[in-house]
Amino acid sequence: MIRVGVADDQALVRSGFTVLLKSADDIEVVGEAADGSEACALVARERPDVMLMDIRMPEMDGLEATRRIMSEGAATRVLMLTTFDLDEYVYEALRAGASGFLLKDTLPDELLAAVRVVASGESLLAPKITTRLIADFVKRPAAEPAREPHPGLATLTERETEVLGAVAKGLSNAEIADELFMSAATAKTHVSRLLSKLHARDRAQLVVIAYESGLAGGS
């Protein structure tokens, strides 16, 4: 059973998600939260597998709540809810530890599938989300201090570095296999090695590492 929490400041939206989630035989809703503070308390109390987290909430927004949840070392995975597919907080939410994004107008079956994907340890990043990341990086001022290179990058093979760049584009294992002329099984193995070598929780973290290391380019 997948244990899920729902955080949204709009009661109607929150209850709608709850009703939908409860309709699935393999999902249990363990609580609701109206703001980031309540979301943090819910995670501490119930330890859900997945937390559906609205980005824009009063008092404490979903971004800060996600940072706090991750800093506590919770195993809970955060799936961000947003009204816009080009939300200005996409990059910071991923840096905070979110495992993916979901539009609030997503179809019911797609929402349930997204929860299952994130609960299984995968990330949910649509290509248009990674395209937005590229655009954000291009607009960043040159004077912005550079982040320290991830120490694990030095351990990557040339092929693993190529795969990391492909992950940063939002490509699936099958798409990586096509782009880099390898089997899907080989692509999956490379991604698993990247997760291990870079101590990344999921593909979303790999995307952040790739961008901060300059391994992701626009196209």
N, C-alpha and C. Protein backbone atom coordinates (compact mmCIF):
# COMPACT_ATOMS: atom_id res chain seq x y z
N MET A 1 0.84 -1.20 0.00
CA MET A 1 0.00 0.00 0.00
C MET A 1 0.88 1.25 0.00
N ILE A 2 0.60 2.19 -0.90
CA ILE A 2 1.35 3.44 -0.98
C ILE A 2 0.68 4.47 -0.08
N ARG A 3 1.42 4.98 0.88
CA ARG A 3 0.88 5.95 1.83
C ARG A 3 1.17 7.37 1.32
N VAL A 4 0.12 8.16 1.17
CA VAL A 4 0.25 9.49 0.55
C VAL A 4 -0.32 10.58 1.44
N GLY A 5 0.37 11.74 1.45
CA GLY A 5 -0.13 12.94 2.11
C GLY A 5 -0.43 13.99 1.05
N VAL A 6 -1.37 14.89 1.34
CA VAL A 6 -1.76 15.92 0.37
C VAL A 6 -1.65 17.29 1.02
N ALA A 7 -0.88 18.18 0.39
CA ALA A 7 -0.72 19.54 0.91
C ALA A 7 -1.14 20.56 -0.14
N ASP A 8 -2.18 21.32 0.16
CA ASP A 8 -2.66 22.38 -0.72
C ASP A 8 -3.47 23.34 0.12
N ASP A 9 -3.32 24.64 -0.12
CA ASP A 9 -4.03 25.61 0.71
C ASP A 9 -5.51 25.74 0.34
N GLN A 10 -5.90 25.22 -0.81
CA GLN A 10 -7.31 25.27 -1.21
C GLN A 10 -8.02 23.98 -0.80
N ALA A 11 -8.96 24.11 0.11
CA ALA A 11 -9.64 22.94 0.68
C ALA A 11 -10.32 22.09 -0.40
N LEU A 12 -10.92 22.74 -1.38
CA LEU A 12 -11.63 22.01 -2.43
C LEU A 12 -10.67 21.18 -3.27
N VAL A 13 -9.54 21.77 -3.61
CA VAL A 13 -8.52 21.06 -4.40
C VAL A 13 -7.97 19.89 -3.58
N ARG A 14 -7.69 20.16 -2.33
CA ARG A 14 -7.12 19.15 -1.43
C ARG A 14 -8.06 17.95 -1.30
N SER A 15 -9.33 18.23 -1.06
CA SER A 15 -10.28 17.14 -0.88
C SER A 15 -10.50 16.38 -2.19
N GLY A 16 -10.41 17.11 -3.31
CA GLY A 16 -10.55 16.45 -4.60
C GLY A 16 -9.45 15.43 -4.84
N PHE A 17 -8.21 15.82 -4.53
CA PHE A 17 -7.09 14.90 -4.66
C PHE A 17 -7.26 13.71 -3.73
N THR A 18 -7.71 14.00 -2.51
CA THR A 18 -7.88 12.93 -1.52
C THR A 18 -8.91 11.89 -1.98
N VAL A 19 -10.03 12.37 -2.48
CA VAL A 19 -11.07 11.46 -2.97
C VAL A 19 -10.54 10.60 -4.11
N LEU A 20 -9.82 11.22 -5.03
CA LEU A 20 -9.26 10.50 -6.17
C LEU A 20 -8.27 9.44 -5.72
N LEU A 21 -7.36 9.83 -4.83
CA LEU A 21 -6.35 8.89 -4.35
C LEU A 21 -6.97 7.71 -3.61
N LYS A 22 -8.01 7.99 -2.84
CA LYS A 22 -8.67 6.92 -2.07
C LYS A 22 -9.42 5.94 -2.98
N SER A 23 -9.66 6.36 -4.22
CA SER A 23 -10.38 5.47 -5.14
C SER A 23 -9.48 4.34 -5.65
N ALA A 24 -8.18 4.46 -5.43
CA ALA A 24 -7.24 3.42 -5.88
C ALA A 24 -7.05 2.38 -4.79
N ASP A 25 -7.05 1.13 -5.17
CA ASP A 25 -6.92 0.04 -4.20
C ASP A 25 -5.55 -0.01 -3.53
N ASP A 26 -4.53 0.55 -4.20
CA ASP A 26 -3.16 0.43 -3.68
C ASP A 26 -2.65 1.71 -3.03
N ILE A 27 -3.54 2.69 -2.81
CA ILE A 27 -3.13 3.97 -2.24
C ILE A 27 -3.96 4.30 -1.01
N GLU A 28 -3.28 4.75 0.04
CA GLU A 28 -3.94 5.15 1.28
C GLU A 28 -3.55 6.61 1.58
N VAL A 29 -4.52 7.47 1.82
CA VAL A 29 -4.25 8.86 2.18
C VAL A 29 -4.11 8.94 3.70
N VAL A 30 -2.93 9.38 4.16
CA VAL A 30 -2.66 9.37 5.60
C VAL A 30 -2.85 10.73 6.25
N GLY A 31 -3.17 11.75 5.44
CA GLY A 31 -3.41 13.07 6.02
C GLY A 31 -3.40 14.18 5.00
N GLU A 32 -3.94 15.33 5.42
CA GLU A 32 -3.97 16.52 4.58
C GLU A 32 -3.31 17.68 5.32
N ALA A 33 -2.78 18.64 4.54
CA ALA A 33 -2.15 19.82 5.12
C ALA A 33 -2.55 21.04 4.30
N ALA A 34 -2.77 22.18 4.99
CA ALA A 34 -3.21 23.40 4.33
C ALA A 34 -2.07 24.37 4.04
N ASP A 35 -0.87 24.07 4.56
CA ASP A 35 0.30 24.91 4.26
C ASP A 35 1.56 24.10 4.51
N GLY A 36 2.71 24.73 4.26
CA GLY A 36 3.98 24.02 4.38
C GLY A 36 4.28 23.52 5.78
N SER A 37 3.93 24.32 6.78
CA SER A 37 4.19 23.91 8.16
C SER A 37 3.41 22.65 8.50
N GLU A 38 2.15 22.63 8.09
CA GLU A 38 1.32 21.45 8.35
C GLU A 38 1.85 20.24 7.57
N ALA A 39 2.39 20.51 6.38
CA ALA A 39 2.94 19.41 5.57
C ALA A 39 4.15 18.79 6.26
N CYS A 40 5.00 19.64 6.82
CA CYS A 40 6.18 19.14 7.55
C CYS A 40 5.75 18.30 8.76
N ALA A 41 4.76 18.80 9.47
CA ALA A 41 4.26 18.08 10.64
C ALA A 41 3.65 16.75 10.24
N LEU A 42 2.94 16.75 9.12
CA LEU A 42 2.32 15.52 8.63
C LEU A 42 3.37 14.47 8.28
N VAL A 43 4.43 14.92 7.60
CA VAL A 43 5.49 13.99 7.23
C VAL A 43 6.18 13.43 8.47
N ALA A 44 6.44 14.29 9.45
CA ALA A 44 7.10 13.85 10.68
C ALA A 44 6.23 12.85 11.43
N ARG A 45 4.93 13.05 11.38
CA ARG A 45 4.00 12.21 12.14
C ARG A 45 3.68 10.89 11.43
N GLU A 46 3.41 10.98 10.12
CA GLU A 46 2.90 9.81 9.40
C GLU A 46 3.92 9.12 8.49
N ARG A 47 5.01 9.83 8.13
CA ARG A 47 6.03 9.27 7.24
C ARG A 47 5.42 8.68 5.96
N PRO A 48 4.67 9.47 5.21
CA PRO A 48 4.08 8.94 3.97
C PRO A 48 5.16 8.59 2.95
N ASP A 49 4.83 7.71 2.03
CA ASP A 49 5.77 7.36 0.97
C ASP A 49 5.90 8.51 -0.02
N VAL A 50 4.77 9.17 -0.28
CA VAL A 50 4.73 10.29 -1.22
C VAL A 50 3.94 11.44 -0.62
N MET A 51 4.46 12.65 -0.82
CA MET A 51 3.74 13.85 -0.38
C MET A 51 3.42 14.68 -1.61
N LEU A 52 2.11 14.85 -1.91
CA LEU A 52 1.71 15.75 -2.98
C LEU A 52 1.77 17.15 -2.39
N MET A 53 2.63 18.00 -2.97
CA MET A 53 2.92 19.30 -2.36
C MET A 53 2.66 20.45 -3.33
N ASP A 54 1.70 21.29 -2.99
CA ASP A 54 1.48 22.50 -3.79
C ASP A 54 2.68 23.42 -3.59
N ILE A 55 3.13 24.07 -4.65
CA ILE A 55 4.28 24.98 -4.52
C ILE A 55 3.87 26.26 -3.80
N ARG A 56 2.76 26.85 -4.22
CA ARG A 56 2.39 28.17 -3.72
C ARG A 56 1.35 28.07 -2.61
N MET A 57 1.82 28.23 -1.38
CA MET A 57 0.94 28.19 -0.22
C MET A 57 1.34 29.31 0.74
N PRO A 58 0.39 29.81 1.55
CA PRO A 58 0.71 30.87 2.51
C PRO A 58 1.53 30.34 3.68
N GLU A 59 2.01 31.28 4.50
CA GLU A 59 2.79 30.95 5.69
C GLU A 59 4.15 30.33 5.31
N MET A 60 4.12 29.07 4.87
CA MET A 60 5.33 28.41 4.37
C MET A 60 4.98 27.74 3.05
N ASP A 61 5.70 28.10 1.98
CA ASP A 61 5.36 27.51 0.68
C ASP A 61 5.91 26.10 0.55
N GLY A 62 5.53 25.43 -0.53
CA GLY A 62 5.94 24.05 -0.73
C GLY A 62 7.43 23.87 -0.92
N LEU A 63 8.08 24.91 -1.41
CA LEU A 63 9.53 24.87 -1.63
C LEU A 63 10.27 24.75 -0.30
N GLU A 64 9.95 25.65 0.64
CA GLU A 64 10.59 25.62 1.95
C GLU A 64 10.21 24.35 2.70
N ALA A 65 8.96 23.92 2.56
CA ALA A 65 8.53 22.69 3.23
C ALA A 65 9.33 21.50 2.73
N THR A 66 9.56 21.44 1.42
CA THR A 66 10.33 20.34 0.84
C THR A 66 11.76 20.36 1.36
N ARG A 67 12.36 21.55 1.43
CA ARG A 67 13.73 21.67 1.97
C ARG A 67 13.78 21.10 3.38
N ARG A 68 12.82 21.47 4.19
CA ARG A 68 12.83 21.03 5.59
C ARG A 68 12.61 19.52 5.70
N ILE A 69 11.71 19.01 4.89
CA ILE A 69 11.44 17.56 4.92
C ILE A 69 12.70 16.79 4.52
N MET A 70 13.38 17.25 3.48
CA MET A 70 14.59 16.56 3.02
C MET A 70 15.73 16.69 4.04
N SER A 71 15.81 17.87 4.69
CA SER A 71 16.88 18.08 5.67
C SER A 71 16.72 17.17 6.88
N GLU A 72 15.48 16.72 7.11
CA GLU A 72 15.23 15.81 8.23
C GLU A 72 15.57 14.37 7.88
N GLY A 73 15.92 14.16 6.61
CA GLY A 73 16.30 12.81 6.19
C GLY A 73 15.13 11.87 6.00
N ALA A 74 13.95 12.44 5.80
CA ALA A 74 12.76 11.61 5.61
C ALA A 74 12.84 10.83 4.30
N ALA A 75 12.31 9.63 4.32
CA ALA A 75 12.29 8.81 3.11
C ALA A 75 11.15 9.22 2.19
N THR A 76 10.30 10.11 2.66
CA THR A 76 9.16 10.59 1.86
C THR A 76 9.64 11.26 0.57
N ARG A 77 8.97 10.94 -0.53
CA ARG A 77 9.28 11.58 -1.81
C ARG A 77 8.22 12.63 -2.08
N VAL A 78 8.68 13.78 -2.53
CA VAL A 78 7.78 14.91 -2.76
C VAL A 78 7.45 15.05 -4.25
N LEU A 79 6.16 15.08 -4.53
CA LEU A 79 5.67 15.30 -5.89
C LEU A 79 5.00 16.66 -5.90
N MET A 80 5.62 17.62 -6.58
CA MET A 80 5.14 18.99 -6.58
C MET A 80 3.90 19.17 -7.46
N LEU A 81 2.95 19.92 -6.94
CA LEU A 81 1.74 20.26 -7.69
C LEU A 81 1.82 21.72 -8.12
N THR A 82 1.56 21.99 -9.37
CA THR A 82 1.62 23.35 -9.86
C THR A 82 0.52 23.62 -10.88
N THR A 83 0.09 24.87 -10.93
CA THR A 83 -0.95 25.25 -11.89
C THR A 83 -0.35 25.48 -13.27
N PHE A 84 0.94 25.82 -13.29
CA PHE A 84 1.59 26.16 -14.55
C PHE A 84 2.74 25.21 -14.84
N ASP A 85 2.86 24.77 -16.11
CA ASP A 85 3.95 23.84 -16.45
C ASP A 85 5.29 24.55 -16.50
N LEU A 86 5.28 25.89 -16.52
CA LEU A 86 6.54 26.64 -16.53
C LEU A 86 6.67 27.44 -15.23
N ASP A 87 6.42 26.79 -14.13
CA ASP A 87 6.48 27.45 -12.84
C ASP A 87 7.90 27.96 -12.56
N GLU A 88 7.97 29.18 -12.04
CA GLU A 88 9.28 29.79 -11.81
C GLU A 88 10.11 29.06 -10.75
N TYR A 89 9.47 28.21 -9.98
CA TYR A 89 10.20 27.54 -8.90
C TYR A 89 10.67 26.13 -9.26
N VAL A 90 10.54 25.75 -10.50
CA VAL A 90 10.88 24.39 -10.90
C VAL A 90 12.29 23.99 -10.46
N TYR A 91 13.27 24.78 -10.85
CA TYR A 91 14.66 24.41 -10.54
C TYR A 91 14.91 24.35 -9.04
N GLU A 92 14.46 25.39 -8.32
CA GLU A 92 14.69 25.41 -6.88
C GLU A 92 13.97 24.26 -6.18
N ALA A 93 12.82 23.87 -6.70
CA ALA A 93 12.10 22.75 -6.10
C ALA A 93 12.89 21.46 -6.27
N LEU A 94 13.50 21.28 -7.45
CA LEU A 94 14.31 20.09 -7.67
C LEU A 94 15.55 20.11 -6.77
N ARG A 95 16.15 21.28 -6.64
CA ARG A 95 17.32 21.40 -5.75
C ARG A 95 16.91 21.11 -4.31
N ALA A 96 15.69 21.48 -3.96
CA ALA A 96 15.21 21.25 -2.59
C ALA A 96 15.00 19.77 -2.32
N GLY A 97 14.84 18.98 -3.39
CA GLY A 97 14.68 17.54 -3.21
C GLY A 97 13.41 16.94 -3.78
N ALA A 98 12.63 17.74 -4.51
CA ALA A 98 11.41 17.20 -5.11
C ALA A 98 11.75 16.13 -6.14
N SER A 99 10.92 15.11 -6.22
CA SER A 99 11.16 14.02 -7.17
C SER A 99 10.40 14.18 -8.47
N GLY A 100 9.63 15.26 -8.59
CA GLY A 100 8.91 15.46 -9.84
C GLY A 100 7.85 16.52 -9.73
N PHE A 101 7.21 16.76 -10.87
CA PHE A 101 6.18 17.79 -10.97
C PHE A 101 4.92 17.22 -11.59
N LEU A 102 3.80 17.79 -11.20
CA LEU A 102 2.52 17.36 -11.74
C LEU A 102 1.62 18.58 -11.86
N LEU A 103 1.00 18.75 -13.02
CA LEU A 103 0.05 19.84 -13.19
C LEU A 103 -1.25 19.50 -12.47
N LYS A 104 -1.88 20.51 -11.90
CA LYS A 104 -3.12 20.29 -11.15
C LYS A 104 -4.26 19.83 -12.06
N ASP A 105 -4.15 20.12 -13.35
CA ASP A 105 -5.21 19.69 -14.27
C ASP A 105 -4.89 18.36 -14.94
N THR A 106 -3.93 17.63 -14.36
CA THR A 106 -3.59 16.30 -14.88
C THR A 106 -4.80 15.37 -14.78
N LEU A 107 -4.95 14.50 -15.74
CA LEU A 107 -6.06 13.55 -15.73
C LEU A 107 -5.94 12.61 -14.52
N PRO A 108 -7.05 12.16 -13.96
CA PRO A 108 -7.03 11.30 -12.78
C PRO A 108 -6.11 10.09 -12.90
N ASP A 109 -6.19 9.36 -14.00
CA ASP A 109 -5.36 8.17 -14.17
C ASP A 109 -3.87 8.54 -14.20
N GLU A 110 -3.56 9.71 -14.76
CA GLU A 110 -2.17 10.15 -14.83
C GLU A 110 -1.64 10.52 -13.45
N LEU A 111 -2.51 11.10 -12.62
CA LEU A 111 -2.09 11.44 -11.26
C LEU A 111 -1.79 10.19 -10.46
N LEU A 112 -2.67 9.21 -10.56
CA LEU A 112 -2.45 7.95 -9.84
C LEU A 112 -1.17 7.27 -10.32
N ALA A 113 -0.95 7.30 -11.63
CA ALA A 113 0.26 6.69 -12.20
C ALA A 113 1.50 7.43 -11.70
N ALA A 114 1.40 8.76 -11.61
CA ALA A 114 2.53 9.57 -11.15
C ALA A 114 2.91 9.23 -9.72
N VAL A 115 1.90 9.07 -8.88
CA VAL A 115 2.16 8.70 -7.48
C VAL A 115 2.87 7.36 -7.41
N ARG A 116 2.42 6.42 -8.22
CA ARG A 116 3.06 5.09 -8.23
C ARG A 116 4.49 5.16 -8.73
N VAL A 117 4.73 5.98 -9.74
CA VAL A 117 6.09 6.12 -10.30
C VAL A 117 7.04 6.67 -9.24
N VAL A 118 6.62 7.75 -8.60
CA VAL A 118 7.47 8.39 -7.58
C VAL A 118 7.66 7.47 -6.37
N ALA A 119 6.61 6.77 -5.98
CA ALA A 119 6.71 5.86 -4.84
C ALA A 119 7.69 4.72 -5.12
N SER A 120 7.82 4.35 -6.40
CA SER A 120 8.72 3.24 -6.76
C SER A 120 10.18 3.66 -6.79
N GLY A 121 10.43 4.96 -6.60
CA GLY A 121 11.81 5.43 -6.58
C GLY A 121 12.24 6.15 -7.84
N GLU A 122 11.34 6.23 -8.81
CA GLU A 122 11.66 6.96 -10.04
C GLU A 122 11.30 8.44 -9.85
N SER A 123 11.70 9.25 -10.83
CA SER A 123 11.31 10.66 -10.80
C SER A 123 10.38 10.95 -11.96
N LEU A 124 9.66 12.03 -11.83
CA LEU A 124 8.67 12.38 -12.85
C LEU A 124 9.04 13.74 -13.42
N LEU A 125 9.76 13.74 -14.54
CA LEU A 125 10.21 14.97 -15.16
C LEU A 125 9.87 14.97 -16.64
N ALA A 126 8.90 15.76 -17.01
CA ALA A 126 8.54 15.87 -18.42
C ALA A 126 9.63 16.63 -19.15
N PRO A 127 9.85 16.33 -20.44
CA PRO A 127 10.87 17.05 -21.22
C PRO A 127 10.69 18.57 -21.17
N LYS A 128 9.43 19.05 -21.13
CA LYS A 128 9.24 20.50 -21.12
C LYS A 128 9.70 21.11 -19.80
N ILE A 129 9.73 20.29 -18.75
CA ILE A 129 10.25 20.79 -17.48
C ILE A 129 11.76 20.97 -17.59
N THR A 130 12.46 20.00 -18.19
CA THR A 130 13.90 20.13 -18.33
C THR A 130 14.25 21.23 -19.32
N THR A 131 13.39 21.47 -20.30
CA THR A 131 13.60 22.59 -21.21
C THR A 131 13.55 23.90 -20.45
N ARG A 132 12.64 23.98 -19.49
CA ARG A 132 12.54 25.17 -18.66
C ARG A 132 13.81 25.35 -17.83
N LEU A 133 14.38 24.25 -17.35
CA LEU A 133 15.61 24.33 -16.58
C LEU A 133 16.72 24.94 -17.43
N ILE A 134 16.82 24.50 -18.67
CA ILE A 134 17.84 25.03 -19.58
C ILE A 134 17.66 26.54 -19.72
N ALA A 135 16.41 26.97 -19.96
CA ALA A 135 16.12 28.39 -20.13
C ALA A 135 16.51 29.18 -18.88
N ASP A 136 16.23 28.63 -17.72
CA ASP A 136 16.58 29.31 -16.47
C ASP A 136 18.08 29.48 -16.33
N PHE A 137 18.83 28.45 -16.72
CA PHE A 137 20.28 28.53 -16.62
C PHE A 137 20.85 29.57 -17.57
N VAL A 138 20.30 29.63 -18.77
CA VAL A 138 20.77 30.60 -19.76
C VAL A 138 20.58 32.03 -19.24
N LYS A 139 19.50 32.26 -18.50
CA LYS A 139 19.19 33.60 -18.02
C LYS A 139 19.96 33.98 -16.76
N ARG A 140 20.65 33.04 -16.16
CA ARG A 140 21.33 33.33 -14.90
C ARG A 140 22.48 34.30 -15.12
N PRO A 141 22.67 35.27 -14.23
CA PRO A 141 23.76 36.23 -14.39
C PRO A 141 25.12 35.56 -14.27
N ALA A 142 26.06 36.03 -15.11
CA ALA A 142 27.41 35.43 -15.11
C ALA A 142 28.09 35.62 -13.77
N ALA A 143 27.67 36.65 -13.04
CA ALA A 143 28.31 36.95 -11.76
C ALA A 143 27.87 36.01 -10.64
N GLU A 144 26.85 35.22 -10.92
CA GLU A 144 26.35 34.32 -9.87
C GLU A 144 27.45 33.33 -9.50
N PRO A 145 27.73 33.17 -8.23
CA PRO A 145 28.81 32.28 -7.83
C PRO A 145 28.59 30.85 -8.30
N ALA A 146 29.65 30.25 -8.83
CA ALA A 146 29.55 28.87 -9.32
C ALA A 146 29.52 27.89 -8.16
N ARG A 147 28.80 26.82 -8.32
CA ARG A 147 28.75 25.80 -7.27
C ARG A 147 29.95 24.87 -7.43
N GLU A 148 30.35 24.31 -6.32
CA GLU A 148 31.48 23.37 -6.36
C GLU A 148 31.10 22.15 -7.20
N PRO A 149 32.00 21.68 -8.08
CA PRO A 149 31.69 20.49 -8.87
C PRO A 149 31.40 19.30 -7.96
N HIS A 150 30.45 18.49 -8.35
CA HIS A 150 30.12 17.31 -7.55
C HIS A 150 31.34 16.38 -7.54
N PRO A 151 31.80 15.95 -6.37
CA PRO A 151 33.01 15.12 -6.29
C PRO A 151 32.90 13.80 -7.04
N GLY A 152 31.67 13.28 -7.20
CA GLY A 152 31.51 12.00 -7.87
C GLY A 152 31.72 12.06 -9.37
N LEU A 153 31.71 13.27 -9.94
CA LEU A 153 31.83 13.39 -11.39
C LEU A 153 33.17 12.86 -11.89
N ALA A 154 34.19 12.98 -11.08
CA ALA A 154 35.53 12.52 -11.48
C ALA A 154 35.59 11.01 -11.63
N THR A 155 34.62 10.31 -11.06
CA THR A 155 34.64 8.84 -11.11
C THR A 155 33.87 8.31 -12.33
N LEU A 156 33.21 9.19 -13.07
CA LEU A 156 32.39 8.74 -14.18
C LEU A 156 33.22 8.41 -15.41
N THR A 157 32.80 7.39 -16.12
CA THR A 157 33.42 7.08 -17.41
C THR A 157 32.86 8.06 -18.45
N GLU A 158 33.48 8.11 -19.61
CA GLU A 158 32.99 8.99 -20.67
C GLU A 158 31.55 8.64 -21.04
N ARG A 159 31.27 7.34 -21.08
CA ARG A 159 29.92 6.90 -21.45
C ARG A 159 28.91 7.31 -20.38
N GLU A 160 29.28 7.17 -19.13
CA GLU A 160 28.37 7.55 -18.03
C GLU A 160 28.09 9.05 -18.06
N THR A 161 29.10 9.83 -18.43
CA THR A 161 28.91 11.27 -18.54
C THR A 161 27.92 11.59 -19.65
N GLU A 162 28.00 10.86 -20.77
CA GLU A 162 27.05 11.04 -21.86
C GLU A 162 25.63 10.70 -21.41
N VAL A 163 25.51 9.61 -20.66
CA VAL A 163 24.20 9.19 -20.17
C VAL A 163 23.64 10.24 -19.20
N LEU A 164 24.49 10.81 -18.36
CA LEU A 164 24.05 11.85 -17.43
C LEU A 164 23.49 13.04 -18.20
N GLY A 165 24.15 13.42 -19.28
CA GLY A 165 23.65 14.51 -20.10
C GLY A 165 22.29 14.18 -20.71
N ALA A 166 22.11 12.92 -21.09
CA ALA A 166 20.83 12.50 -21.66
C ALA A 166 19.73 12.50 -20.61
N VAL A 167 20.06 12.08 -19.40
CA VAL A 167 19.08 12.11 -18.30
C VAL A 167 18.63 13.55 -18.06
N ALA A 168 19.57 14.48 -18.17
CA ALA A 168 19.26 15.89 -17.94
C ALA A 168 18.29 16.45 -18.97
N LYS A 169 18.17 15.80 -20.10
CA LYS A 169 17.21 16.22 -21.11
C LYS A 169 15.81 15.67 -20.82
N GLY A 170 15.71 14.85 -19.80
CA GLY A 170 14.42 14.26 -19.46
C GLY A 170 14.13 12.99 -20.24
N LEU A 171 15.17 12.38 -20.83
CA LEU A 171 14.97 11.18 -21.64
C LEU A 171 14.75 9.95 -20.76
N SER A 172 13.91 9.05 -21.22
CA SER A 172 13.70 7.77 -20.54
C SER A 172 14.86 6.85 -20.90
N ASN A 173 14.93 5.70 -20.24
CA ASN A 173 16.00 4.74 -20.56
C ASN A 173 15.93 4.31 -22.02
N ALA A 174 14.71 4.10 -22.52
CA ALA A 174 14.56 3.68 -23.92
C ALA A 174 15.05 4.77 -24.86
N GLU A 175 14.73 6.02 -24.53
CA GLU A 175 15.15 7.15 -25.37
C GLU A 175 16.66 7.35 -25.30
N ILE A 176 17.23 7.14 -24.11
CA ILE A 176 18.69 7.23 -23.97
C ILE A 176 19.36 6.16 -24.84
N ALA A 177 18.78 4.97 -24.81
CA ALA A 177 19.32 3.87 -25.61
C ALA A 177 19.34 4.24 -27.10
N ASP A 178 18.25 4.82 -27.58
CA ASP A 178 18.17 5.22 -28.99
C ASP A 178 19.19 6.31 -29.31
N GLU A 179 19.29 7.29 -28.43
CA GLU A 179 20.17 8.43 -28.70
C GLU A 179 21.65 8.05 -28.65
N LEU A 180 21.99 7.14 -27.74
CA LEU A 180 23.40 6.80 -27.55
C LEU A 180 23.75 5.42 -28.13
N PHE A 181 22.84 4.86 -28.92
CA PHE A 181 23.09 3.59 -29.61
C PHE A 181 23.53 2.48 -28.66
N MET A 182 22.66 2.18 -27.72
CA MET A 182 22.90 1.07 -26.78
C MET A 182 21.56 0.42 -26.50
N SER A 183 21.58 -0.71 -25.83
CA SER A 183 20.33 -1.37 -25.49
C SER A 183 19.69 -0.67 -24.30
N ALA A 184 18.38 -0.86 -24.14
CA ALA A 184 17.68 -0.26 -23.01
C ALA A 184 18.22 -0.80 -21.69
N ALA A 185 18.61 -2.07 -21.69
CA ALA A 185 19.16 -2.68 -20.47
C ALA A 185 20.48 -2.01 -20.10
N THR A 186 21.30 -1.71 -21.11
CA THR A 186 22.58 -1.05 -20.86
C THR A 186 22.35 0.36 -20.33
N ALA A 187 21.37 1.04 -20.92
CA ALA A 187 21.05 2.40 -20.46
C ALA A 187 20.61 2.36 -19.00
N LYS A 188 19.79 1.40 -18.66
CA LYS A 188 19.32 1.27 -17.28
C LYS A 188 20.48 1.02 -16.33
N THR A 189 21.42 0.19 -16.76
CA THR A 189 22.60 -0.11 -15.94
C THR A 189 23.42 1.15 -15.71
N HIS A 190 23.61 1.94 -16.76
CA HIS A 190 24.37 3.19 -16.64
C HIS A 190 23.69 4.15 -15.68
N VAL A 191 22.37 4.26 -15.77
CA VAL A 191 21.64 5.16 -14.87
C VAL A 191 21.78 4.68 -13.42
N SER A 192 21.71 3.38 -13.22
CA SER A 192 21.87 2.83 -11.86
C SER A 192 23.26 3.15 -11.31
N ARG A 193 24.27 3.05 -12.17
CA ARG A 193 25.63 3.38 -11.73
C ARG A 193 25.78 4.85 -11.40
N LEU A 194 25.12 5.69 -12.19
CA LEU A 194 25.15 7.13 -11.92
C LEU A 194 24.53 7.43 -10.56
N LEU A 195 23.39 6.82 -10.28
CA LEU A 195 22.73 7.03 -8.99
C LEU A 195 23.65 6.64 -7.84
N SER A 196 24.37 5.53 -8.03
CA SER A 196 25.28 5.04 -7.00
C SER A 196 26.51 5.93 -6.85
N LYS A 197 27.16 6.24 -7.97
CA LYS A 197 28.40 7.01 -7.94
C LYS A 197 28.19 8.45 -7.46
N LEU A 198 27.03 9.01 -7.80
CA LEU A 198 26.77 10.40 -7.45
C LEU A 198 25.92 10.53 -6.19
N HIS A 199 25.64 9.37 -5.57
CA HIS A 199 24.84 9.34 -4.33
C HIS A 199 23.55 10.12 -4.50
N ALA A 200 22.90 9.90 -5.63
CA ALA A 200 21.66 10.60 -5.94
C ALA A 200 20.46 9.74 -5.56
N ARG A 201 19.42 10.38 -5.05
CA ARG A 201 18.23 9.65 -4.61
C ARG A 201 17.42 9.13 -5.80
N ASP A 202 17.37 9.93 -6.87
CA ASP A 202 16.60 9.54 -8.04
C ASP A 202 17.05 10.34 -9.25
N ARG A 203 16.36 10.18 -10.37
CA ARG A 203 16.74 10.87 -11.60
C ARG A 203 16.64 12.38 -11.48
N ALA A 204 15.70 12.85 -10.66
CA ALA A 204 15.57 14.30 -10.48
C ALA A 204 16.86 14.89 -9.92
N GLN A 205 17.47 14.20 -8.98
CA GLN A 205 18.73 14.67 -8.43
C GLN A 205 19.84 14.61 -9.48
N LEU A 206 19.80 13.60 -10.34
CA LEU A 206 20.79 13.52 -11.41
C LEU A 206 20.68 14.73 -12.34
N VAL A 207 19.44 15.15 -12.60
CA VAL A 207 19.22 16.32 -13.46
C VAL A 207 19.86 17.56 -12.83
N VAL A 208 19.64 17.75 -11.54
CA VAL A 208 20.20 18.91 -10.84
C VAL A 208 21.73 18.88 -10.90
N ILE A 209 22.31 17.71 -10.65
CA ILE A 209 23.78 17.58 -10.69
C ILE A 209 24.31 17.91 -12.08
N ALA A 210 23.62 17.43 -13.10
CA ALA A 210 24.05 17.67 -14.48
C ALA A 210 24.03 19.17 -14.80
N TYR A 211 23.00 19.85 -14.38
CA TYR A 211 22.89 21.28 -14.67
C TYR A 211 23.93 22.07 -13.91
N GLU A 212 24.12 21.73 -12.65
CA GLU A 212 25.07 22.49 -11.85
C GLU A 212 26.51 22.21 -12.25
N SER A 213 26.71 21.11 -12.99
CA SER A 213 28.06 20.74 -13.41
C SER A 213 28.33 21.15 -14.87
N GLY A 214 27.34 21.80 -15.48
CA GLY A 214 27.52 22.22 -16.86
C GLY A 214 27.44 21.13 -17.87
N LEU A 215 26.84 19.99 -17.51
CA LEU A 215 26.75 18.86 -18.42
C LEU A 215 25.43 18.83 -19.19
N ALA A 216 24.59 19.82 -18.96
CA ALA A 216 23.30 19.88 -19.66
C ALA A 216 23.30 21.11 -20.55
N GLY A 217 22.95 20.88 -21.79
CA GLY A 217 22.94 22.01 -22.71
C GLY A 217 21.58 22.14 -23.36
N GLY A 218 21.29 23.28 -23.86
CA GLY A 218 20.01 23.52 -24.51
C GLY A 218 19.97 22.95 -25.89
N SER A 219 18.78 22.56 -26.32
CA SER A 219 18.54 22.08 -27.66
C SER A 219 17.07 22.14 -27.95
